Amino acid sequence: MSARVMPEDHTREEGSASRLLVAEVGKQAVIRVIGRGSYQLAPSLKRYGEQAIQRGLDQMIFDMRHCTQMDSTFMGVIAGLASRLSRERQGEILMVNLTSHARALLSTLGLDTVVRPAVAGMPAEELRSLLGEAADFVELDVHEDVTGTRRTMLEAHRELMNLRPENVPRFRDVVEYLERSSHSTGES
């Protein structure tokens, strides 16, 4: 994983670029989303999550306290990781410190069926100590090539379409466009 250690006090947003900070405690990963959870962060999140699952982590806790918004690609990657984590490790994804708007968005797209969400100020008691223990955060490298980003976007939107039938008309055009774009550039 390409990363650099970030002191705890650098998790404030303060006009900085969006980023992902991760810390692992036992078989759990705490992922802090700073700024926008977007298609730009999605490939790095997907890569990290897949590697973490391969290493045997069975729980991912997304701390959304500093997240200003999420796009559909970012949420689709989370849905894909949640499905894989459940299938391969019988694990789960928790999302804590969500705004009520973000919580409603998860529900609208069906993510609340594959992740366990909690609104801001309401983390489960057992999570409070874990969030406190996760002090040595590492910033994920978020640089990605256009082809990799396009592939991640396509897979993420397919995941959302698979979550619930209502998502098919929402994302059908996006998926078709990304498929056409991939074929026209010779990607598979």
C-alpha atoms as a PDB file:
ATOM      1  CA  MET A   1       0.000   0.000   0.000  1.00  0.00           C
ATOM      2  CA  SER A   2       1.453   3.386  -0.951  1.00  0.00           C
ATOM      3  CA  ALA A   3       0.988   5.582   2.073  1.00  0.00           C
ATOM      4  CA  ARG A   4       2.444   8.118   4.418  1.00  0.00           C
ATOM      5  CA  VAL A   5       1.892   8.442   8.157  1.00  0.00           C
ATOM      6  CA  MET A   6      -0.413  11.283   9.130  1.00  0.00           C
ATOM      7  CA  PRO A   7      -0.457  12.682  12.661  1.00  0.00           C
ATOM      8  CA  GLU A   8      -3.909  12.700  14.228  1.00  0.00           C
ATOM      9  CA  ASP A   9      -4.269  16.505  14.030  1.00  0.00           C
ATOM     10  CA  HIS A  10      -4.134  16.430  10.210  1.00  0.00           C
ATOM     11  CA  THR A  11      -7.592  14.883   9.908  1.00  0.00           C
ATOM     12  CA  ARG A  12      -9.300  18.295   9.866  1.00  0.00           C
ATOM     13  CA  GLU A  13     -10.684  19.327   6.540  1.00  0.00           C
ATOM     14  CA  GLU A  14      -9.523  22.978   6.501  1.00  0.00           C
ATOM     15  CA  GLY A  15      -9.704  23.388   2.735  1.00  0.00           C
ATOM     16  CA  SER A  16      -7.397  20.486   1.969  1.00  0.00           C
ATOM     17  CA  ALA A  17      -8.003  17.944  -0.779  1.00  0.00           C
ATOM     18  CA  SER A  18     -10.207  14.953  -0.133  1.00  0.00           C
ATOM     19  CA  ARG A  19      -8.369  11.965   1.252  1.00  0.00           C
ATOM     20  CA  LEU A  20      -8.634   8.618   3.014  1.00  0.00           C
ATOM     21  CA  LEU A  21      -6.834   7.820   6.255  1.00  0.00           C
ATOM     22  CA  VAL A  22      -6.653   4.238   7.496  1.00  0.00           C
ATOM     23  CA  ALA A  23      -5.553   2.557  10.712  1.00  0.00           C
ATOM     24  CA  GLU A  24      -5.710  -1.126  11.510  1.00  0.00           C
ATOM     25  CA  VAL A  25      -6.424  -2.462  14.986  1.00  0.00           C
ATOM     26  CA  GLY A  26      -6.394  -6.253  15.180  1.00  0.00           C
ATOM     27  CA  LYS A  27      -8.692  -7.585  12.453  1.00  0.00           C
ATOM     28  CA  GLN A  28     -10.429  -4.245  12.047  1.00  0.00           C
ATOM     29  CA  ALA A  29      -9.700  -1.271   9.828  1.00  0.00           C
ATOM     30  CA  VAL A  30     -10.801   2.256  10.652  1.00  0.00           C
ATOM     31  CA  ILE A  31     -11.169   4.364   7.514  1.00  0.00           C
ATOM     32  CA  ARG A  32     -11.580   8.107   7.888  1.00  0.00           C
ATOM     33  CA  VAL A  33     -13.058   9.901   4.916  1.00  0.00           C
ATOM     34  CA  ILE A  34     -11.894  13.515   4.787  1.00  0.00           C
ATOM     35  CA  GLY A  35     -13.736  15.836   2.387  1.00  0.00           C
ATOM     36  CA  ARG A  36     -15.720  14.328  -0.488  1.00  0.00           C
ATOM     37  CA  GLY A  37     -16.075  10.575  -0.821  1.00  0.00           C
ATOM     38  CA  SER A  38     -15.914  10.583  -4.601  1.00  0.00           C
ATOM     39  CA  TYR A  39     -14.942   8.698  -7.745  1.00  0.00           C
ATOM     40  CA  GLN A  40     -11.451  10.162  -7.292  1.00  0.00           C
ATOM     41  CA  LEU A  41     -10.957   8.291  -3.998  1.00  0.00           C
ATOM     42  CA  ALA A  42     -12.890   5.179  -5.037  1.00  0.00           C
ATOM     43  CA  PRO A  43     -10.080   3.243  -6.822  1.00  0.00           C
ATOM     44  CA  SER A  44      -7.752   3.651  -3.826  1.00  0.00           C
ATOM     45  CA  LEU A  45     -10.505   2.639  -1.405  1.00  0.00           C
ATOM     46  CA  LYS A  46     -11.323  -0.422  -3.499  1.00  0.00           C
ATOM     47  CA  ARG A  47      -7.676  -1.461  -3.771  1.00  0.00           C
ATOM     48  CA  TYR A  48      -7.065  -0.999  -0.028  1.00  0.00           C
ATOM     49  CA  GLY A  49     -10.290  -2.803   0.931  1.00  0.00           C
ATOM     50  CA  GLU A  50      -9.566  -5.804  -1.283  1.00  0.00           C
ATOM     51  CA  GLN A  51      -6.030  -6.088   0.118  1.00  0.00           C
ATOM     52  CA  ALA A  52      -7.321  -5.774   3.695  1.00  0.00           C
ATOM     53  CA  ILE A  53      -9.854  -8.556   3.122  1.00  0.00           C
ATOM     54  CA  GLN A  54      -7.127 -10.770   1.632  1.00  0.00           C
ATOM     55  CA  ARG A  55      -4.994 -10.143   4.752  1.00  0.00           C
ATOM     56  CA  GLY A  56      -7.856 -11.401   6.937  1.00  0.00           C
ATOM     57  CA  LEU A  57      -9.466  -8.216   8.231  1.00  0.00           C
ATOM     58  CA  ASP A  58     -13.105  -8.898   8.992  1.00  0.00           C
ATOM     59  CA  GLN A  59     -14.490  -5.489   9.877  1.00  0.00           C
ATOM     60  CA  MET A  60     -14.181  -2.052   8.288  1.00  0.00           C
ATOM     61  CA  ILE A  61     -15.355   0.968  10.192  1.00  0.00           C
ATOM     62  CA  PHE A  62     -15.860   4.108   8.145  1.00  0.00           C
ATOM     63  CA  ASP A  63     -15.604   7.232  10.307  1.00  0.00           C
ATOM     64  CA  MET A  64     -17.580   9.788   8.313  1.00  0.00           C
ATOM     65  CA  ARG A  65     -17.218  12.698  10.757  1.00  0.00           C
ATOM     66  CA  HIS A  66     -15.152  14.752   8.283  1.00  0.00           C
ATOM     67  CA  CYS A  67     -16.914  13.585   5.103  1.00  0.00           C
ATOM     68  CA  THR A  68     -18.780  16.396   3.355  1.00  0.00           C
ATOM     69  CA  GLN A  69     -20.603  14.234   0.785  1.00  0.00           C
ATOM     70  CA  MET A  70     -20.463  10.944  -1.119  1.00  0.00           C
ATOM     71  CA  ASP A  71     -21.052  10.230  -4.780  1.00  0.00           C
ATOM     72  CA  SER A  72     -22.518   7.068  -6.278  1.00  0.00           C
ATOM     73  CA  THR A  73     -19.139   5.624  -7.314  1.00  0.00           C
ATOM     74  CA  PHE A  74     -17.806   5.885  -3.757  1.00  0.00           C
ATOM     75  CA  MET A  75     -20.967   4.317  -2.335  1.00  0.00           C
ATOM     76  CA  GLY A  76     -20.870   1.552  -4.959  1.00  0.00           C
ATOM     77  CA  VAL A  77     -17.310   0.666  -3.944  1.00  0.00           C
ATOM     78  CA  ILE A  78     -18.421   0.474  -0.303  1.00  0.00           C
ATOM     79  CA  ALA A  79     -21.318  -1.797  -1.342  1.00  0.00           C
ATOM     80  CA  GLY A  80     -18.927  -4.073  -3.246  1.00  0.00           C
ATOM     81  CA  LEU A  81     -16.503  -4.257  -0.323  1.00  0.00           C
ATOM     82  CA  ALA A  82     -19.377  -4.985   2.086  1.00  0.00           C
ATOM     83  CA  SER A  83     -20.607  -7.844  -0.102  1.00  0.00           C
ATOM     84  CA  ARG A  84     -17.130  -9.320  -0.456  1.00  0.00           C
ATOM     85  CA  LEU A  85     -16.358  -8.920   3.264  1.00  0.00           C
ATOM     86  CA  SER A  86     -19.584 -10.692   4.199  1.00  0.00           C
ATOM     87  CA  ARG A  87     -19.098 -13.474   1.648  1.00  0.00           C
ATOM     88  CA  GLU A  88     -15.387 -14.161   2.254  1.00  0.00           C
ATOM     89  CA  ARG A  89     -14.904 -13.321   5.954  1.00  0.00           C
ATOM     90  CA  GLN A  90     -18.434 -13.237   7.378  1.00  0.00           C
ATOM     91  CA  GLY A  91     -17.452  -9.675   8.237  1.00  0.00           C
ATOM     92  CA  GLU A  92     -19.180  -6.325   8.058  1.00  0.00           C
ATOM     93  CA  ILE A  93     -18.826  -2.646   7.321  1.00  0.00           C
ATOM     94  CA  LEU A  94     -19.953  -0.091   9.862  1.00  0.00           C
ATOM     95  CA  MET A  95     -20.368   3.554   8.940  1.00  0.00           C
ATOM     96  CA  VAL A  96     -20.312   5.870  11.944  1.00  0.00           C
ATOM     97  CA  ASN A  97     -20.749   9.608  12.437  1.00  0.00           C
ATOM     98  CA  LEU A  98     -23.012   9.940   9.398  1.00  0.00           C
ATOM     99  CA  THR A  99     -25.059  13.079   8.886  1.00  0.00           C
ATOM    100  CA  SER A 100     -28.794  12.455   8.680  1.00  0.00           C
ATOM    101  CA  HIS A 101     -28.599  13.359   4.959  1.00  0.00           C
ATOM    102  CA  ALA A 102     -25.868  10.753   4.334  1.00  0.00           C
ATOM    103  CA  ARG A 103     -27.843   8.170   6.317  1.00  0.00           C
ATOM    104  CA  ALA A 104     -30.921   8.858   4.177  1.00  0.00           C
ATOM    105  CA  LEU A 105     -28.842   8.556   0.995  1.00  0.00           C
ATOM    106  CA  LEU A 106     -27.556   5.135   2.079  1.00  0.00           C
ATOM    107  CA  SER A 107     -31.137   4.053   2.675  1.00  0.00           C
ATOM    108  CA  THR A 108     -32.358   5.398  -0.675  1.00  0.00           C
ATOM    109  CA  LEU A 109     -29.732   3.413  -2.593  1.00  0.00           C
ATOM    110  CA  GLY A 110     -30.063   0.298  -0.419  1.00  0.00           C
ATOM    111  CA  LEU A 111     -26.608   0.422   1.161  1.00  0.00           C
ATOM    112  CA  ASP A 112     -28.215   0.109   4.583  1.00  0.00           C
ATOM    113  CA  THR A 113     -28.916  -3.517   3.625  1.00  0.00           C
ATOM    114  CA  VAL A 114     -25.186  -4.319   3.335  1.00  0.00           C
ATOM    115  CA  VAL A 115     -23.592  -1.910   5.843  1.00  0.00           C
ATOM    116  CA  ARG A 116     -24.486  -0.995   9.421  1.00  0.00           C
ATOM    117  CA  PRO A 117     -24.959   2.805   9.557  1.00  0.00           C
ATOM    118  CA  ALA A 118     -24.995   5.113  12.602  1.00  0.00           C
ATOM    119  CA  VAL A 119     -25.722   8.839  12.582  1.00  0.00           C
ATOM    120  CA  ALA A 120     -23.304  11.378  14.067  1.00  0.00           C
ATOM    121  CA  GLY A 121     -22.860  11.241  17.826  1.00  0.00           C
ATOM    122  CA  MET A 122     -24.307   7.733  18.042  1.00  0.00           C
ATOM    123  CA  PRO A 123     -21.454   5.241  17.597  1.00  0.00           C
ATOM    124  CA  ALA A 124     -22.021   1.970  19.380  1.00  0.00           C
ATOM    125  CA  GLU A 125     -20.336   1.869  22.784  1.00  0.00           C
ATOM    126  CA  GLU A 126     -17.826  -0.789  21.711  1.00  0.00           C
ATOM    127  CA  LEU A 127     -16.743   1.409  18.790  1.00  0.00           C
ATOM    128  CA  ARG A 128     -15.825   4.395  20.945  1.00  0.00           C
ATOM    129  CA  SER A 129     -12.778   2.665  22.378  1.00  0.00           C
ATOM    130  CA  LEU A 130     -11.763   1.263  18.979  1.00  0.00           C
ATOM    131  CA  LEU A 131     -11.961   4.697  17.344  1.00  0.00           C
ATOM    132  CA  GLY A 132      -9.814   5.996  20.194  1.00  0.00           C
ATOM    133  CA  GLU A 133      -7.229   3.199  19.768  1.00  0.00           C
ATOM    134  CA  ALA A 134      -6.813   3.814  16.050  1.00  0.00           C
ATOM    135  CA  ALA A 135      -4.283   6.609  16.357  1.00  0.00           C
ATOM    136  CA  ASP A 136      -1.622   5.793  13.763  1.00  0.00           C
ATOM    137  CA  PHE A 137      -3.467   6.684  10.591  1.00  0.00           C
ATOM    138  CA  VAL A 138      -1.843   6.313   7.187  1.00  0.00           C
ATOM    139  CA  GLU A 139      -2.979   8.326   4.184  1.00  0.00           C
ATOM    140  CA  LEU A 140      -3.791   6.237   1.126  1.00  0.00           C
ATOM    141  CA  ASP A 141      -2.276   7.239  -2.188  1.00  0.00           C
ATOM    142  CA  VAL A 142      -5.213   8.392  -4.331  1.00  0.00           C
ATOM    143  CA  HIS A 143      -3.512   8.713  -7.703  1.00  0.00           C
ATOM    144  CA  GLU A 144      -5.142   6.573 -10.359  1.00  0.00           C
ATOM    145  CA  ASP A 145      -5.085   6.304 -14.112  1.00  0.00           C
ATOM    146  CA  VAL A 146      -8.145   7.110 -16.216  1.00  0.00           C
ATOM    147  CA  THR A 147      -8.651   3.474 -17.242  1.00  0.00           C
ATOM    148  CA  GLY A 148      -8.591   2.267 -13.630  1.00  0.00           C
ATOM    149  CA  THR A 149     -10.979   5.001 -12.524  1.00  0.00           C
ATOM    150  CA  ARG A 150     -13.395   4.214 -15.360  1.00  0.00           C
ATOM    151  CA  ARG A 151     -13.303   0.487 -14.504  1.00  0.00           C
ATOM    152  CA  THR A 152     -13.944   1.251 -10.815  1.00  0.00           C
ATOM    153  CA  MET A 153     -16.850   3.539 -11.730  1.00  0.00           C
ATOM    154  CA  LEU A 154     -18.414   0.835 -13.907  1.00  0.00           C
ATOM    155  CA  GLU A 155     -18.072  -1.875 -11.241  1.00  0.00           C
ATOM    156  CA  ALA A 156     -19.379   0.459  -8.520  1.00  0.00           C
ATOM    157  CA  HIS A 157     -22.519   1.364 -10.446  1.00  0.00           C
ATOM    158  CA  ARG A 158     -23.175  -2.276 -11.259  1.00  0.00           C
ATOM    159  CA  GLU A 159     -22.954  -3.020  -7.516  1.00  0.00           C
ATOM    160  CA  LEU A 160     -25.550  -0.323  -6.809  1.00  0.00           C
ATOM    161  CA  MET A 161     -27.842  -1.704  -9.518  1.00  0.00           C
ATOM    162  CA  ASN A 162     -27.581  -5.145  -7.899  1.00  0.00           C
ATOM    163  CA  LEU A 163     -28.554  -3.801  -4.460  1.00  0.00           C
ATOM    164  CA  ARG A 164     -32.133  -3.007  -5.360  1.00  0.00           C
ATOM    165  CA  PRO A 165     -34.288  -2.930  -8.490  1.00  0.00           C
ATOM    166  CA  GLU A 166     -35.036   0.793  -8.056  1.00  0.00           C
ATOM    167  CA  ASN A 167     -31.359   1.538  -8.742  1.00  0.00           C
ATOM    168  CA  VAL A 168     -31.425   0.054 -12.243  1.00  0.00           C
ATOM    169  CA  PRO A 169     -33.146   3.030 -13.912  1.00  0.00           C
ATOM    170  CA  ARG A 170     -31.044   5.444 -11.817  1.00  0.00           C
ATOM    171  CA  PHE A 171     -27.739   4.084 -13.080  1.00  0.00           C
ATOM    172  CA  ARG A 172     -28.509   2.279 -16.358  1.00  0.00           C
ATOM    173  CA  ASP A 173     -27.388   5.231 -18.501  1.00  0.00           C
ATOM    174  CA  VAL A 174     -24.181   5.647 -16.499  1.00  0.00           C
ATOM    175  CA  VAL A 175     -23.317   1.959 -16.895  1.00  0.00           C
ATOM    176  CA  GLU A 176     -24.104   1.992 -20.618  1.00  0.00           C
ATOM    177  CA  TYR A 177     -21.984   5.112 -21.147  1.00  0.00           C
ATOM    178  CA  LEU A 178     -19.046   3.639 -19.225  1.00  0.00           C
ATOM    179  CA  GLU A 179     -19.335   0.356 -21.152  1.00  0.00           C
ATOM    180  CA  ARG A 180     -19.359   2.210 -24.503  1.00  0.00           C
ATOM    181  CA  SER A 181     -16.472   4.385 -23.386  1.00  0.00           C
ATOM    182  CA  SER A 182     -14.471   1.319 -22.338  1.00  0.00           C
ATOM    183  CA  HIS A 183     -15.078  -0.427 -25.651  1.00  0.00           C
ATOM    184  CA  SER A 184     -14.195   2.641 -27.715  1.00  0.00           C
ATOM    185  CA  THR A 185     -10.833   2.933 -25.945  1.00  0.00           C
ATOM    186  CA  GLY A 186     -10.083  -0.780 -26.255  1.00  0.00           C
ATOM    187  CA  GLU A 187     -10.524  -1.584 -22.540  1.00  0.00           C
ATOM    188  CA  SER A 188     -12.239  -4.751 -21.405  1.00  0.00           C
END
